N, C-alpha and C. Protein backbone atom coordinates (compact mmCIF):
# COMPACT_ATOMS: atom_id res chain seq x y z
N MET A 1 0.76 -5.40 -6.50
CA MET A 1 2.00 -5.62 -7.29
C MET A 1 3.07 -6.49 -6.45
N LYS A 2 4.01 -7.38 -7.44
CA LYS A 2 4.56 -8.75 -6.99
C LYS A 2 5.79 -7.70 -6.07
N LYS A 3 6.34 -8.30 -5.35
CA LYS A 3 7.42 -8.06 -4.53
C LYS A 3 8.78 -7.57 -5.61
N GLN A 4 8.79 -8.80 -6.51
CA GLN A 4 9.85 -8.11 -7.07
C GLN A 4 10.17 -6.32 -8.40
N ASN A 5 8.94 -6.43 -8.46
CA ASN A 5 7.98 -4.89 -8.97
C ASN A 5 8.44 -3.74 -8.33
N LEU A 6 8.51 -4.50 -6.66
CA LEU A 6 8.97 -3.00 -6.23
C LEU A 6 10.18 -2.77 -5.44
N ARG A 7 10.61 -4.09 -5.27
CA ARG A 7 12.49 -3.84 -5.03
C ARG A 7 12.83 -3.06 -6.48
N GLU A 8 12.40 -3.32 -8.00
CA GLU A 8 13.00 -2.58 -9.02
C GLU A 8 12.65 -0.69 -8.77
N LYS A 9 12.04 -0.36 -7.84
CA LYS A 9 11.26 1.17 -7.87
C LYS A 9 12.25 1.51 -7.27
N THR A 10 12.65 2.87 -7.14
CA THR A 10 13.31 3.77 -6.19
C THR A 10 12.32 4.00 -5.00
N VAL A 11 13.51 4.95 -4.66
CA VAL A 11 12.48 4.87 -3.25
C VAL A 11 11.56 6.07 -2.93
N LEU A 12 11.85 7.44 -4.34
CA LEU A 12 10.73 7.78 -4.21
C LEU A 12 9.69 7.33 -4.87
N ASP A 13 9.62 6.27 -5.61
CA ASP A 13 8.45 6.44 -6.70
C ASP A 13 7.53 5.09 -5.79
N LEU A 14 8.57 4.72 -4.58
CA LEU A 14 7.10 3.68 -3.48
C LEU A 14 7.18 4.55 -2.74
N GLN A 15 7.57 5.89 -2.80
CA GLN A 15 6.84 6.55 -1.57
C GLN A 15 5.41 7.26 -2.29
N ILE A 16 5.88 7.72 -3.35
CA ILE A 16 4.40 7.74 -4.12
C ILE A 16 3.55 6.72 -3.71
N ARG A 17 4.05 5.51 -3.66
CA ARG A 17 2.98 4.93 -4.11
C ARG A 17 1.84 4.62 -2.93
N GLU A 18 2.69 4.81 -1.54
CA GLU A 18 2.33 4.39 0.05
C GLU A 18 1.76 5.51 -0.06
N LYS A 19 1.79 7.04 -0.73
CA LYS A 19 0.42 7.59 -0.12
C LYS A 19 -0.60 8.00 -1.09
N GLU A 20 -0.50 6.46 -2.45
CA GLU A 20 -1.59 6.27 -3.20
C GLU A 20 -2.60 5.42 -2.33
N LEU A 21 -1.69 4.50 -1.70
CA LEU A 21 -2.44 3.10 -0.43
C LEU A 21 -3.19 3.44 0.07
N ALA A 22 -2.78 4.91 1.24
CA ALA A 22 -2.94 5.58 1.75
C ALA A 22 -4.45 5.87 1.89
N GLU A 23 -4.58 6.85 0.70
CA GLU A 23 -5.89 7.33 -0.16
C GLU A 23 -7.11 6.17 -0.20
N GLN A 24 -6.52 5.30 -0.56
CA GLN A 24 -7.61 4.09 -1.18
C GLN A 24 -8.16 3.33 0.01
N LEU A 25 -7.08 3.41 1.32
CA LEU A 25 -7.17 2.84 2.48
C LEU A 25 -8.49 3.21 3.26
N PHE A 26 -8.14 4.94 2.81
CA PHE A 26 -8.72 5.78 3.98
C PHE A 26 -10.28 5.70 3.54
N ALA A 27 -10.32 5.71 1.65
CA ALA A 27 -11.66 5.29 1.13
C ALA A 27 -12.52 3.98 0.94
N LEU A 28 -11.61 3.38 1.19
CA LEU A 28 -12.03 2.28 2.12
C LEU A 28 -12.30 1.78 3.12
N ARG A 29 -11.84 2.11 3.68
CA ARG A 29 -12.58 1.93 5.74
C ARG A 29 -13.78 3.11 5.78
N LEU A 30 -13.78 3.81 4.58
CA LEU A 30 -14.94 4.76 4.85
C LEU A 30 -16.08 3.88 4.58
N GLN A 31 -16.27 3.62 3.18
CA GLN A 31 -17.13 2.53 2.60
C GLN A 31 -17.56 1.72 3.86
N LYS A 32 -16.60 1.19 4.35
CA LYS A 32 -17.07 0.55 4.98
C LYS A 32 -18.04 0.75 6.60
N VAL A 33 -17.32 1.31 6.85
CA VAL A 33 -18.62 2.13 8.22
C VAL A 33 -20.08 3.22 7.45
N VAL A 34 -19.52 3.13 6.10
CA VAL A 34 -21.10 4.14 5.89
C VAL A 34 -21.82 2.47 5.20
N GLY A 35 -21.21 0.90 5.80
CA GLY A 35 -21.44 -0.04 4.58
C GLY A 35 -21.99 0.17 3.14
N GLN A 36 -20.95 0.23 2.28
CA GLN A 36 -21.50 0.57 1.21
C GLN A 36 -20.02 -0.41 0.30
N LEU A 37 -19.10 -1.13 1.18
CA LEU A 37 -18.12 -1.63 0.83
C LEU A 37 -18.44 -3.37 -0.23
N GLU A 38 -18.27 -3.16 -1.33
CA GLU A 38 -18.74 -4.36 -2.01
C GLU A 38 -18.01 -5.52 -1.41
N LYS A 39 -16.67 -5.48 -1.94
CA LYS A 39 -15.72 -6.22 -2.05
C LYS A 39 -14.62 -6.17 -0.83
N PRO A 40 -15.10 -7.16 1.12
CA PRO A 40 -14.04 -6.78 2.05
C PRO A 40 -12.54 -7.12 1.57
N ALA A 41 -12.82 -7.83 0.47
CA ALA A 41 -10.98 -8.47 0.42
C ALA A 41 -10.09 -7.64 0.29
N LYS A 42 -10.48 -6.57 -0.63
CA LYS A 42 -9.88 -5.59 -1.51
C LYS A 42 -8.91 -4.41 -0.29
N LEU A 43 -10.29 -4.55 0.96
CA LEU A 43 -9.61 -3.95 2.44
C LEU A 43 -7.86 -4.42 2.33
N ARG A 44 -8.51 -5.59 2.82
CA ARG A 44 -7.25 -6.68 2.98
C ARG A 44 -5.94 -6.74 2.41
N THR A 45 -6.28 -6.80 0.91
CA THR A 45 -5.33 -6.48 0.15
C THR A 45 -4.66 -5.26 -0.16
N ALA A 46 -5.43 -3.93 0.02
CA ALA A 46 -4.90 -2.61 0.29
C ALA A 46 -3.57 -2.90 1.46
N LYS A 47 -3.94 -3.42 2.67
CA LYS A 47 -3.47 -3.14 3.79
C LYS A 47 -2.09 -4.06 3.36
N ARG A 48 -2.18 -5.44 2.97
CA ARG A 48 -0.70 -5.82 2.90
C ARG A 48 0.14 -5.30 1.65
N GLU A 49 -0.33 -4.55 0.36
CA GLU A 49 0.75 -4.02 -0.15
C GLU A 49 1.07 -3.16 0.42
N MET A 50 0.10 -1.85 0.98
CA MET A 50 1.07 -1.30 2.29
C MET A 50 2.16 -1.76 2.98
N ALA A 51 2.43 -2.57 3.13
CA ALA A 51 2.99 -3.46 4.77
C ALA A 51 3.97 -3.59 3.20
N ARG A 52 3.54 -4.27 2.23
CA ARG A 52 5.12 -4.65 0.95
C ARG A 52 5.68 -3.10 0.90
N VAL A 53 5.03 -2.37 0.83
CA VAL A 53 5.48 -1.36 0.28
C VAL A 53 6.43 -0.57 1.32
N LEU A 54 6.10 -0.23 2.17
CA LEU A 54 6.80 0.49 3.18
C LEU A 54 8.07 -1.01 3.88
N THR A 55 7.76 -2.03 3.86
CA THR A 55 9.07 -2.69 4.69
C THR A 55 10.24 -2.27 3.30
N ILE A 56 9.95 -2.06 2.03
CA ILE A 56 10.94 -2.05 1.21
C ILE A 56 11.53 -0.91 1.12
N ILE A 57 10.22 -0.33 1.84
CA ILE A 57 11.31 1.39 1.26
C ILE A 57 12.61 1.12 3.08
N ARG A 58 11.97 0.49 4.06
CA ARG A 58 12.89 0.85 4.93
C ARG A 58 14.27 -0.28 5.09
N GLU A 59 13.77 -1.29 3.95
CA GLU A 59 15.11 -1.91 3.74
C GLU A 59 16.20 -1.78 2.88
N LYS A 60 15.49 -0.50 1.89
CA LYS A 60 16.49 0.14 0.79
C LYS A 60 17.35 1.69 1.57
N GLN A 61 16.21 2.16 3.25
CA GLN A 61 17.32 2.87 3.31
C GLN A 61 17.95 2.65 4.47
N SER A 62 17.67 1.29 5.25
CA SER A 62 18.60 0.86 5.42
C SER A 62 20.36 0.72 4.81
N GLU A 63 20.33 0.45 3.70
CA GLU A 63 20.96 -0.08 2.93
C GLU A 63 21.91 0.68 2.22
N ALA A 64 21.57 2.38 2.24
CA ALA A 64 21.72 3.47 2.28
C ALA A 64 22.98 4.06 3.25
């Protein structure tokens, strides 16, 4: 998701997205350990999106 789209969402929506990404990261890490991860780039992409979401959540909370 692009930064602009994330900035338009509410903190609650971003926290929901954070939980989804955490679950996705867990599943990807598990696949990596087992050796079933087909696209290792997905792990990197998920980590980056998680960082973006967390950054925007913190920015919005500090504004309030």
